[in-house]
């Protein structure tokens, strides 16, 4: 049986980046945004969990801080899936019978 991880453990990558990378760096969001070639508002929205992490932004963090972009993108996917699963019971879709051996 696979191990189940509680949805609360899937943190938004922006919030993780803020607490583990940006804040410990001692640099301001404005300085980091300028260094990374993005607007302060775009970076702030991400770091506060108000915007999703894009692949391009993940690469910018990889180049600036050495954090693996693929790992950051998996964090974003896991966060999305945890949000979707939190209301999965509200999604009304019945299983489709594929009927092995039937033709169109």
PDB file of N, CA and C in Angstrom:
ATOM      1  N   UNK A   1       0.846  -1.173   0.000  1.00  0.00           N
ATOM      2  CA  UNK A   1       0.000   0.000   0.000  1.00  0.00           C
ATOM      3  C   UNK A   1       0.897   1.244   0.000  1.00  0.00           C
ATOM      4  N   UNK A   2       0.647   2.186  -0.935  1.00  0.00           N
ATOM      5  CA  UNK A   2       1.482   3.388  -0.986  1.00  0.00           C
ATOM      6  C   UNK A   2       1.236   4.295   0.219  1.00  0.00           C
ATOM      7  N   UNK A   3       2.255   5.035   0.553  1.00  0.00           N
ATOM      8  CA  UNK A   3       2.145   5.986   1.659  1.00  0.00           C
ATOM      9  C   UNK A   3       1.332   7.183   1.176  1.00  0.00           C
ATOM     10  N   UNK A   4       0.366   7.609   1.983  1.00  0.00           N
ATOM     11  CA  UNK A   4      -0.427   8.783   1.648  1.00  0.00           C
ATOM     12  C   UNK A   4       0.120   9.984   2.402  1.00  0.00           C
ATOM     13  N   UNK A   5       0.292  11.078   1.697  1.00  0.00           N
ATOM     14  CA  UNK A   5       0.775  12.305   2.300  1.00  0.00           C
ATOM     15  C   UNK A   5      -0.411  13.241   2.497  1.00  0.00           C
ATOM     16  N   UNK A   6      -0.500  13.821   3.656  1.00  0.00           N
ATOM     17  CA  UNK A   6      -1.599  14.730   3.956  1.00  0.00           C
ATOM     18  C   UNK A   6      -1.513  15.956   3.043  1.00  0.00           C
ATOM     19  N   UNK A   7      -2.652  16.410   2.474  1.00  0.00           N
ATOM     20  CA  UNK A   7      -2.643  17.552   1.558  1.00  0.00           C
ATOM     21  C   UNK A   7      -2.000  18.812   2.131  1.00  0.00           C
ATOM     22  N   UNK A   8      -2.042  18.988   3.446  1.00  0.00           N
ATOM     23  CA  UNK A   8      -1.457  20.193   4.042  1.00  0.00           C
ATOM     24  C   UNK A   8       0.066  20.242   3.868  1.00  0.00           C
ATOM     25  N   UNK A   9       0.673  19.116   3.517  1.00  0.00           N
ATOM     26  CA  UNK A   9       2.118  19.084   3.317  1.00  0.00           C
ATOM     27  C   UNK A   9       2.533  19.600   1.940  1.00  0.00           C
ATOM     28  N   UNK A  10       1.560  19.784   1.060  1.00  0.00           N
ATOM     29  CA  UNK A  10       1.863  20.303  -0.277  1.00  0.00           C
ATOM     30  C   UNK A  10       1.801  21.821  -0.232  1.00  0.00           C
ATOM     31  N   UNK A  11       2.925  22.423   0.035  1.00  0.00           N
ATOM     32  CA  UNK A  11       3.005  23.867   0.186  1.00  0.00           C
ATOM     33  C   UNK A  11       3.166  24.535  -1.179  1.00  0.00           C
ATOM     34  N   UNK A  12       2.618  25.734  -1.304  1.00  0.00           N
ATOM     35  CA  UNK A  12       2.778  26.509  -2.530  1.00  0.00           C
ATOM     36  C   UNK A  12       4.266  26.800  -2.722  1.00  0.00           C
ATOM     37  N   UNK A  13       4.807  26.590  -3.919  1.00  0.00           N
ATOM     38  CA  UNK A  13       6.249  26.776  -4.118  1.00  0.00           C
ATOM     39  C   UNK A  13       6.709  28.200  -3.836  1.00  0.00           C
ATOM     40  N   UNK A  14       5.854  29.184  -4.082  1.00  0.00           N
ATOM     41  CA  UNK A  14       6.233  30.565  -3.812  1.00  0.00           C
ATOM     42  C   UNK A  14       6.445  30.812  -2.327  1.00  0.00           C
ATOM     43  N   UNK A  15       5.561  30.254  -1.519  1.00  0.00           N
ATOM     44  CA  UNK A  15       5.707  30.417  -0.070  1.00  0.00           C
ATOM     45  C   UNK A  15       6.961  29.706   0.426  1.00  0.00           C
ATOM     46  N   UNK A  16       7.248  28.542  -0.161  1.00  0.00           N
ATOM     47  CA  UNK A  16       8.468  27.818   0.204  1.00  0.00           C
ATOM     48  C   UNK A  16       9.699  28.625  -0.205  1.00  0.00           C
ATOM     49  N   UNK A  17       9.685  29.154  -1.424  1.00  0.00           N
ATOM     50  CA  UNK A  17      10.811  29.957  -1.886  1.00  0.00           C
ATOM     51  C   UNK A  17      11.037  31.163  -0.973  1.00  0.00           C
ATOM     52  N   UNK A  18       9.943  31.777  -0.536  1.00  0.00           N
ATOM     53  CA  UNK A  18      10.072  32.937   0.346  1.00  0.00           C
ATOM     54  C   UNK A  18      10.739  32.552   1.664  1.00  0.00           C
ATOM     55  N   UNK A  19      10.240  31.483   2.286  1.00  0.00           N
ATOM     56  CA  UNK A  19      10.749  31.129   3.620  1.00  0.00           C
ATOM     57  C   UNK A  19      12.129  30.468   3.591  1.00  0.00           C
ATOM     58  N   UNK A  20      12.427  29.721   2.546  1.00  0.00           N
ATOM     59  CA  UNK A  20      13.673  28.946   2.520  1.00  0.00           C
ATOM     60  C   UNK A  20      14.794  29.553   1.683  1.00  0.00           C
ATOM     61  N   UNK A  21      14.457  30.428   0.746  1.00  0.00           N
ATOM     62  CA  UNK A  21      15.472  30.961  -0.163  1.00  0.00           C
ATOM     63  C   UNK A  21      15.571  32.486  -0.069  1.00  0.00           C
ATOM     64  N   UNK A  22      14.457  33.165  -0.302  1.00  0.00           N
ATOM     65  CA  UNK A  22      14.481  34.623  -0.401  1.00  0.00           C
ATOM     66  C   UNK A  22      14.750  35.281   0.950  1.00  0.00           C
ATOM     67  N   UNK A  23      13.950  34.971   1.966  1.00  0.00           N
ATOM     68  CA  UNK A  23      14.132  35.606   3.281  1.00  0.00           C
ATOM     69  C   UNK A  23      15.537  35.356   3.849  1.00  0.00           C
ATOM     70  N   UNK A  24      16.030  34.105   3.819  1.00  0.00           N
ATOM     71  CA  UNK A  24      17.383  33.870   4.352  1.00  0.00           C
ATOM     72  C   UNK A  24      18.496  34.585   3.566  1.00  0.00           C
ATOM     73  N   UNK A  25      18.209  34.954   2.317  1.00  0.00           N
ATOM     74  CA  UNK A  25      19.241  35.628   1.520  1.00  0.00           C
ATOM     75  C   UNK A  25      19.524  37.034   2.038  1.00  0.00           C
ATOM     76  N   UNK A  26      18.555  37.604   2.776  1.00  0.00           N
ATOM     77  CA  UNK A  26      18.737  38.942   3.306  1.00  0.00           C
ATOM     78  C   UNK A  26      18.556  40.045   2.282  1.00  0.00           C
ATOM     79  N   UNK A  27      18.150  39.695   1.091  1.00  0.00           N
ATOM     80  CA  UNK A  27      17.948  40.687   0.024  1.00  0.00           C
ATOM     81  C   UNK A  27      16.467  41.031  -0.099  1.00  0.00           C
ATOM     82  N   UNK A  28      16.197  42.208  -0.585  1.00  0.00           N
ATOM     83  CA  UNK A  28      14.801  42.630  -0.731  1.00  0.00           C
ATOM     84  C   UNK A  28      14.185  41.999  -1.974  1.00  0.00           C
ATOM     85  N   UNK A  29      12.876  41.917  -1.965  1.00  0.00           N
ATOM     86  CA  UNK A  29      12.157  41.390  -3.130  1.00  0.00           C
ATOM     87  C   UNK A  29      12.441  42.271  -4.338  1.00  0.00           C
ATOM     88  N   UNK A  30      12.525  43.569  -4.126  1.00  0.00           N
ATOM     89  CA  UNK A  30      12.815  44.499  -5.221  1.00  0.00           C
ATOM     90  C   UNK A  30      14.178  44.194  -5.841  1.00  0.00           C
ATOM     91  N   UNK A  31      15.189  43.978  -5.009  1.00  0.00           N
ATOM     92  CA  UNK A  31      16.535  43.671  -5.518  1.00  0.00           C
ATOM     93  C   UNK A  31      16.564  42.337  -6.254  1.00  0.00           C
ATOM     94  N   UNK A  32      15.909  41.336  -5.693  1.00  0.00           N
ATOM     95  CA  UNK A  32      15.898  40.009  -6.327  1.00  0.00           C
ATOM     96  C   UNK A  32      15.139  40.063  -7.648  1.00  0.00           C
ATOM     97  N   UNK A  33      14.015  40.760  -7.673  1.00  0.00           N
ATOM     98  CA  UNK A  33      13.237  40.889  -8.910  1.00  0.00           C
ATOM     99  C   UNK A  33      14.081  41.545 -10.003  1.00  0.00           C
ATOM    100  N   UNK A  34      14.780  42.607  -9.648  1.00  0.00           N
ATOM    101  CA  UNK A  34      15.632  43.292 -10.634  1.00  0.00           C
ATOM    102  C   UNK A  34      16.731  42.364 -11.132  1.00  0.00           C
ATOM    103  N   UNK A  35      17.347  41.634 -10.229  1.00  0.00           N
ATOM    104  CA  UNK A  35      18.411  40.693 -10.594  1.00  0.00           C
ATOM    105  C   UNK A  35      17.889  39.598 -11.533  1.00  0.00           C
ATOM    106  N   UNK A  36      16.652  39.142 -11.267  1.00  0.00           N
ATOM    107  CA  UNK A  36      16.081  38.052 -12.054  1.00  0.00           C
ATOM    108  C   UNK A  36      15.389  38.536 -13.326  1.00  0.00           C
ATOM    109  N   UNK A  37      15.260  39.842 -13.503  1.00  0.00           N
ATOM    110  CA  UNK A  37      14.648  40.386 -14.716  1.00  0.00           C
ATOM    111  C   UNK A  37      13.135  40.264 -14.749  1.00  0.00           C
ATOM    112  N   UNK A  38      12.502  40.351 -13.574  1.00  0.00           N
ATOM    113  CA  UNK A  38      11.036  40.308 -13.481  1.00  0.00           C
ATOM    114  C   UNK A  38      10.575  41.511 -12.674  1.00  0.00           C
ATOM    115  N   UNK A  39       9.289  41.787 -12.722  1.00  0.00           N
ATOM    116  CA  UNK A  39       8.778  42.909 -11.941  1.00  0.00           C
ATOM    117  C   UNK A  39       8.680  42.526 -10.468  1.00  0.00           C
ATOM    118  N   UNK A  40       8.764  43.532  -9.623  1.00  0.00           N
ATOM    119  CA  UNK A  40       8.622  43.305  -8.197  1.00  0.00           C
ATOM    120  C   UNK A  40       7.252  42.720  -7.900  1.00  0.00           C
ATOM    121  N   UNK A  41       6.223  43.223  -8.587  1.00  0.00           N
ATOM    122  CA  UNK A  41       4.852  42.753  -8.359  1.00  0.00           C
ATOM    123  C   UNK A  41       4.706  41.275  -8.718  1.00  0.00           C
ATOM    124  N   UNK A  42       5.280  40.856  -9.843  1.00  0.00           N
ATOM    125  CA  UNK A  42       5.194  39.446 -10.252  1.00  0.00           C
ATOM    126  C   UNK A  42       5.869  38.545  -9.218  1.00  0.00           C
ATOM    127  N   UNK A  43       7.038  38.956  -8.744  1.00  0.00           N
ATOM    128  CA  UNK A  43       7.753  38.146  -7.759  1.00  0.00           C
ATOM    129  C   UNK A  43       7.004  38.133  -6.435  1.00  0.00           C
ATOM    130  N   UNK A  44       6.501  39.276  -6.027  1.00  0.00           N
ATOM    131  CA  UNK A  44       5.739  39.361  -4.784  1.00  0.00           C
ATOM    132  C   UNK A  44       4.492  38.482  -4.830  1.00  0.00           C
ATOM    133  N   UNK A  45       3.780  38.526  -5.949  1.00  0.00           N
ATOM    134  CA  UNK A  45       2.580  37.686  -6.098  1.00  0.00           C
ATOM    135  C   UNK A  45       2.918  36.208  -5.951  1.00  0.00           C
ATOM    136  N   UNK A  46       4.012  35.784  -6.547  1.00  0.00           N
ATOM    137  CA  UNK A  46       4.437  34.392  -6.432  1.00  0.00           C
ATOM    138  C   UNK A  46       4.801  34.055  -4.988  1.00  0.00           C
ATOM    139  N   UNK A  47       5.649  34.864  -4.389  1.00  0.00           N
ATOM    140  CA  UNK A  47       6.158  34.570  -3.054  1.00  0.00           C
ATOM    141  C   UNK A  47       5.082  34.602  -1.979  1.00  0.00           C
ATOM    142  N   UNK A  48       3.995  35.320  -2.237  1.00  0.00           N
ATOM    143  CA  UNK A  48       2.881  35.371  -1.290  1.00  0.00           C
ATOM    144  C   UNK A  48       1.794  34.346  -1.609  1.00  0.00           C
ATOM    145  N   UNK A  49       2.035  33.504  -2.620  1.00  0.00           N
ATOM    146  CA  UNK A  49       1.091  32.442  -2.954  1.00  0.00           C
ATOM    147  C   UNK A  49      -0.111  32.903  -3.747  1.00  0.00           C
ATOM    148  N   UNK A  50      -0.029  34.123  -4.342  1.00  0.00           N
ATOM    149  CA  UNK A  50      -1.150  34.655  -5.118  1.00  0.00           C
ATOM    150  C   UNK A  50      -1.025  34.363  -6.606  1.00  0.00           C
ATOM    151  N   UNK A  51       0.100  33.800  -7.020  1.00  0.00           N
ATOM    152  CA  UNK A  51       0.321  33.448  -8.427  1.00  0.00           C
ATOM    153  C   UNK A  51       1.028  32.103  -8.478  1.00  0.00           C
ATOM    154  N   UNK A  52       0.770  31.364  -9.539  1.00  0.00           N
ATOM    155  CA  UNK A  52       1.422  30.078  -9.741  1.00  0.00           C
ATOM    156  C   UNK A  52       2.856  30.281 -10.227  1.00  0.00           C
ATOM    157  N   UNK A  53       3.673  29.293  -9.977  1.00  0.00           N
ATOM    158  CA  UNK A  53       5.044  29.294 -10.464  1.00  0.00           C
ATOM    159  C   UNK A  53       5.043  28.841 -11.922  1.00  0.00           C
ATOM    160  N   UNK A  54       5.606  29.653 -12.797  1.00  0.00           N
ATOM    161  CA  UNK A  54       5.740  29.261 -14.204  1.00  0.00           C
ATOM    162  C   UNK A  54       7.075  28.543 -14.396  1.00  0.00           C
ATOM    163  N   UNK A  55       7.177  27.818 -15.492  1.00  0.00           N
ATOM    164  CA  UNK A  55       8.430  27.124 -15.801  1.00  0.00           C
ATOM    165  C   UNK A  55       9.559  28.135 -15.973  1.00  0.00           C
ATOM    166  N   UNK A  56       9.257  29.259 -16.588  1.00  0.00           N
ATOM    167  CA  UNK A  56      10.284  30.284 -16.786  1.00  0.00           C
ATOM    168  C   UNK A  56      10.766  30.847 -15.451  1.00  0.00           C
ATOM    169  N   UNK A  57       9.846  31.108 -14.543  1.00  0.00           N
ATOM    170  CA  UNK A  57      10.237  31.637 -13.229  1.00  0.00           C
ATOM    171  C   UNK A  57      11.042  30.590 -12.458  1.00  0.00           C
ATOM    172  N   UNK A  58      10.662  29.321 -12.602  1.00  0.00           N
ATOM    173  CA  UNK A  58      11.419  28.248 -11.949  1.00  0.00           C
ATOM    174  C   UNK A  58      12.860  28.242 -12.458  1.00  0.00           C
ATOM    175  N   UNK A  59      13.039  28.441 -13.753  1.00  0.00           N
ATOM    176  CA  UNK A  59      14.391  28.503 -14.318  1.00  0.00           C
ATOM    177  C   UNK A  59      15.147  29.718 -13.808  1.00  0.00           C
ATOM    178  N   UNK A  60      14.450  30.832 -13.631  1.00  0.00           N
ATOM    179  CA  UNK A  60      15.105  32.026 -13.092  1.00  0.00           C
ATOM    180  C   UNK A  60      15.616  31.768 -11.667  1.00  0.00           C
ATOM    181  N   UNK A  61      14.805  31.076 -10.849  1.00  0.00           N
ATOM    182  CA  UNK A  61      15.248  30.732  -9.494  1.00  0.00           C
ATOM    183  C   UNK A  61      16.412  29.743  -9.537  1.00  0.00           C
ATOM    184  N   UNK A  62      16.372  28.822 -10.476  1.00  0.00           N
ATOM    185  CA  UNK A  62      17.478  27.869 -10.608  1.00  0.00           C
ATOM    186  C   UNK A  62      18.776  28.611 -10.919  1.00  0.00           C
ATOM    187  N   UNK A  63      18.702  29.548 -11.857  1.00  0.00           N
ATOM    188  CA  UNK A  63      19.903  30.297 -12.241  1.00  0.00           C
ATOM    189  C   UNK A  63      20.389  31.220 -11.124  1.00  0.00           C
ATOM    190  N   UNK A  64      19.457  31.850 -10.416  1.00  0.00           N
ATOM    191  CA  UNK A  64      19.831  32.817  -9.385  1.00  0.00           C
ATOM    192  C   UNK A  64      20.281  32.166  -8.078  1.00  0.00           C
ATOM    193  N   UNK A  65      19.615  31.065  -7.700  1.00  0.00           N
ATOM    194  CA  UNK A  65      19.859  30.492  -6.379  1.00  0.00           C
ATOM    195  C   UNK A  65      20.334  29.039  -6.390  1.00  0.00           C
ATOM    196  N   UNK A  66      20.311  28.391  -7.565  1.00  0.00           N
ATOM    197  CA  UNK A  66      20.775  27.016  -7.638  1.00  0.00           C
ATOM    198  C   UNK A  66      19.740  25.972  -7.238  1.00  0.00           C
ATOM    199  N   UNK A  67      18.521  26.401  -6.974  1.00  0.00           N
ATOM    200  CA  UNK A  67      17.460  25.445  -6.627  1.00  0.00           C
ATOM    201  C   UNK A  67      16.945  24.815  -7.920  1.00  0.00           C
ATOM    202  N   UNK A  68      16.732  23.513  -7.926  1.00  0.00           N
ATOM    203  CA  UNK A  68      16.370  22.786  -9.137  1.00  0.00           C
ATOM    204  C   UNK A  68      14.975  23.176  -9.642  1.00  0.00           C
ATOM    205  N   UNK A  69      14.908  23.645 -10.882  1.00  0.00           N
ATOM    206  CA  UNK A  69      13.645  24.093 -11.476  1.00  0.00           C
ATOM    207  C   UNK A  69      12.634  22.954 -11.575  1.00  0.00           C
ATOM    208  N   UNK A  70      13.095  21.743 -11.871  1.00  0.00           N
ATOM    209  CA  UNK A  70      12.179  20.602 -11.977  1.00  0.00           C
ATOM    210  C   UNK A  70      11.518  20.305 -10.637  1.00  0.00           C
ATOM    211  N   UNK A  71      12.286  20.414  -9.575  1.00  0.00           N
ATOM    212  CA  UNK A  71      11.741  20.196  -8.240  1.00  0.00           C
ATOM    213  C   UNK A  71      10.680  21.247  -7.923  1.00  0.00           C
ATOM    214  N   UNK A  72      10.966  22.494  -8.264  1.00  0.00           N
ATOM    215  CA  UNK A  72       9.989  23.561  -8.028  1.00  0.00           C
ATOM    216  C   UNK A  72       8.701  23.324  -8.817  1.00  0.00           C
ATOM    217  N   UNK A  73       8.823  22.852 -10.044  1.00  0.00           N
ATOM    218  CA  UNK A  73       7.633  22.598 -10.859  1.00  0.00           C
ATOM    219  C   UNK A  73       6.830  21.418 -10.301  1.00  0.00           C
ATOM    220  N   UNK A  74       7.517  20.413  -9.755  1.00  0.00           N
ATOM    221  CA  UNK A  74       6.798  19.301  -9.107  1.00  0.00           C
ATOM    222  C   UNK A  74       6.054  19.804  -7.872  1.00  0.00           C
ATOM    223  N   UNK A  75       6.664  20.736  -7.156  1.00  0.00           N
ATOM    224  CA  UNK A  75       5.980  21.331  -6.005  1.00  0.00           C
ATOM    225  C   UNK A  75       4.688  22.019  -6.456  1.00  0.00           C
ATOM    226  N   UNK A  76       4.763  22.742  -7.580  1.00  0.00           N
ATOM    227  CA  UNK A  76       3.576  23.438  -8.089  1.00  0.00           C
ATOM    228  C   UNK A  76       2.500  22.434  -8.478  1.00  0.00           C
ATOM    229  N   UNK A  77       2.883  21.371  -9.180  1.00  0.00           N
ATOM    230  CA  UNK A  77       1.925  20.340  -9.578  1.00  0.00           C
ATOM    231  C   UNK A  77       1.291  19.683  -8.358  1.00  0.00           C
ATOM    232  N   UNK A  78       2.107  19.331  -7.376  1.00  0.00           N
ATOM    233  CA  UNK A  78       1.580  18.703  -6.162  1.00  0.00           C
ATOM    234  C   UNK A  78       0.622  19.629  -5.423  1.00  0.00           C
ATOM    235  N   UNK A  79       0.936  20.907  -5.414  1.00  0.00           N
ATOM    236  CA  UNK A  79       0.047  21.886  -4.777  1.00  0.00           C
ATOM    237  C   UNK A  79      -1.293  21.942  -5.516  1.00  0.00           C
ATOM    238  N   UNK A  80      -1.254  21.992  -6.837  1.00  0.00           N
ATOM    239  CA  UNK A  80      -2.488  22.002  -7.641  1.00  0.00           C
ATOM    240  C   UNK A  80      -3.320  20.749  -7.392  1.00  0.00           C
ATOM    241  N   UNK A  81      -2.669  19.597  -7.384  1.00  0.00           N
ATOM    242  CA  UNK A  81      -3.399  18.346  -7.183  1.00  0.00           C
ATOM    243  C   UNK A  81      -4.010  18.275  -5.788  1.00  0.00           C
ATOM    244  N   UNK A  82      -3.303  18.742  -4.784  1.00  0.00           N
ATOM    245  CA  UNK A  82      -3.850  18.747  -3.420  1.00  0.00           C
ATOM    246  C   UNK A  82      -5.076  19.642  -3.352  1.00  0.00           C
ATOM    247  N   UNK A  83      -5.030  20.794  -4.032  1.00  0.00           N
ATOM    248  CA  UNK A  83      -6.195  21.682  -4.058  1.00  0.00           C
ATOM    249  C   UNK A  83      -7.371  21.002  -4.761  1.00  0.00           C
ATOM    250  N   UNK A  84      -7.111  20.364  -5.894  1.00  0.00           N
ATOM    251  CA  UNK A  84      -8.181  19.695  -6.644  1.00  0.00           C
ATOM    252  C   UNK A  84      -8.766  18.536  -5.849  1.00  0.00           C
ATOM    253  N   UNK A  85      -7.909  17.748  -5.226  1.00  0.00           N
ATOM    254  CA  UNK A  85      -8.392  16.601  -4.450  1.00  0.00           C
ATOM    255  C   UNK A  85      -9.189  17.030  -3.226  1.00  0.00           C
ATOM    256  N   UNK A  86      -8.946  18.241  -2.736  1.00  0.00           N
ATOM    257  CA  UNK A  86      -9.682  18.701  -1.559  1.00  0.00           C
ATOM    258  C   UNK A  86     -11.164  18.902  -1.852  1.00  0.00           C
ATOM    259  N   UNK A  87     -11.515  19.027  -3.114  1.00  0.00           N
ATOM    260  CA  UNK A  87     -12.936  19.134  -3.469  1.00  0.00           C
ATOM    261  C   UNK A  87     -13.336  18.101  -4.531  1.00  0.00           C
ATOM    262  N   UNK A  88     -12.628  16.994  -4.572  1.00  0.00           N
ATOM    263  CA  UNK A  88     -12.898  15.938  -5.556  1.00  0.00           C
ATOM    264  C   UNK A  88     -14.309  15.371  -5.420  1.00  0.00           C
ATOM    265  N   UNK A  89     -14.846  15.342  -4.201  1.00  0.00           N
ATOM    266  CA  UNK A  89     -16.196  14.798  -4.008  1.00  0.00           C
ATOM    267  C   UNK A  89     -17.259  15.654  -4.682  1.00  0.00           C
ATOM    268  N   UNK A  90     -16.937  16.917  -4.975  1.00  0.00           N
ATOM    269  CA  UNK A  90     -17.884  17.808  -5.649  1.00  0.00           C
ATOM    270  C   UNK A  90     -17.888  17.613  -7.160  1.00  0.00           C
ATOM    271  N   UNK A  91     -16.907  16.896  -7.679  1.00  0.00           N
ATOM    272  CA  UNK A  91     -16.798  16.674  -9.120  1.00  0.00           C
ATOM    273  C   UNK A  91     -17.588  15.418  -9.457  1.00  0.00           C
ATOM    274  N   UNK A  92     -18.669  15.589 -10.182  1.00  0.00           N
ATOM    275  CA  UNK A  92     -19.584  14.495 -10.506  1.00  0.00           C
ATOM    276  C   UNK A  92     -19.300  13.953 -11.906  1.00  0.00           C
ATOM    277  N   UNK A  93     -18.519  12.889 -11.946  1.00  0.00           N
ATOM    278  CA  UNK A  93     -18.217  12.202 -13.204  1.00  0.00           C
ATOM    279  C   UNK A  93     -18.269  10.718 -12.919  1.00  0.00           C
ATOM    280  N   UNK A  94     -19.009   9.985 -13.741  1.00  0.00           N
ATOM    281  CA  UNK A  94     -19.090   8.537 -13.579  1.00  0.00           C
ATOM    282  C   UNK A  94     -18.007   7.874 -14.424  1.00  0.00           C
ATOM    283  N   UNK A  95     -17.570   6.724 -13.968  1.00  0.00           N
ATOM    284  CA  UNK A  95     -16.548   5.977 -14.699  1.00  0.00           C
ATOM    285  C   UNK A  95     -17.105   5.552 -16.053  1.00  0.00           C
ATOM    286  N   UNK A  96     -16.299   5.693 -17.064  1.00  0.00           N
ATOM    287  CA  UNK A  96     -16.668   5.338 -18.428  1.00  0.00           C
ATOM    288  C   UNK A  96     -16.343   3.876 -18.666  1.00  0.00           C
ATOM    289  N   UNK A  97     -17.331   3.097 -19.133  1.00  0.00           N
ATOM    290  CA  UNK A  97     -17.100   1.677 -19.427  1.00  0.00           C
ATOM    291  C   UNK A  97     -16.428   1.576 -20.786  1.00  0.00           C
ATOM    292  N   UNK A  98     -15.194   1.094 -20.796  1.00  0.00           N
ATOM    293  CA  UNK A  98     -14.443   0.996 -22.037  1.00  0.00           C
ATOM    294  C   UNK A  98     -14.785  -0.278 -22.821  1.00  0.00           C
ATOM    295  N   UNK A  99     -15.452  -1.201 -22.181  1.00  0.00           N
ATOM    296  CA  UNK A  99     -15.926  -2.407 -22.867  1.00  0.00           C
ATOM    297  C   UNK A  99     -14.900  -3.084 -23.719  1.00  0.00           C
ATOM    298  N   UNK A 100     -14.016  -3.843 -23.135  1.00  0.00           N
ATOM    299  CA  UNK A 100     -12.966  -4.555 -23.858  1.00  0.00           C
ATOM    300  C   UNK A 100     -13.590  -5.422 -24.952  1.00  0.00           C
ATOM    301  N   UNK A 101     -13.088  -5.302 -26.145  1.00  0.00           N
ATOM    302  CA  UNK A 101     -13.550  -6.139 -27.258  1.00  0.00           C
ATOM    303  C   UNK A 101     -14.728  -5.590 -28.031  1.00  0.00           C
ATOM    304  N   UNK A 102     -15.249  -4.428 -27.654  1.00  0.00           N
ATOM    305  CA  UNK A 102     -16.361  -3.840 -28.413  1.00  0.00           C
ATOM    306  C   UNK A 102     -15.812  -2.969 -29.512  1.00  0.00           C
ATOM    307  N   UNK A 103     -16.565  -2.856 -30.583  1.00  0.00           N
ATOM    308  CA  UNK A 103     -16.127  -1.999 -31.693  1.00  0.00           C
ATOM    309  C   UNK A 103     -17.040  -0.799 -31.795  1.00  0.00           C
ATOM    310  N   UNK A 104     -16.570   0.220 -32.496  1.00  0.00           N
ATOM    311  CA  UNK A 104     -17.336   1.451 -32.658  1.00  0.00           C
ATOM    312  C   UNK A 104     -18.414   1.273 -33.652  1.00  0.00           C
TER     313      UNK A 104
END
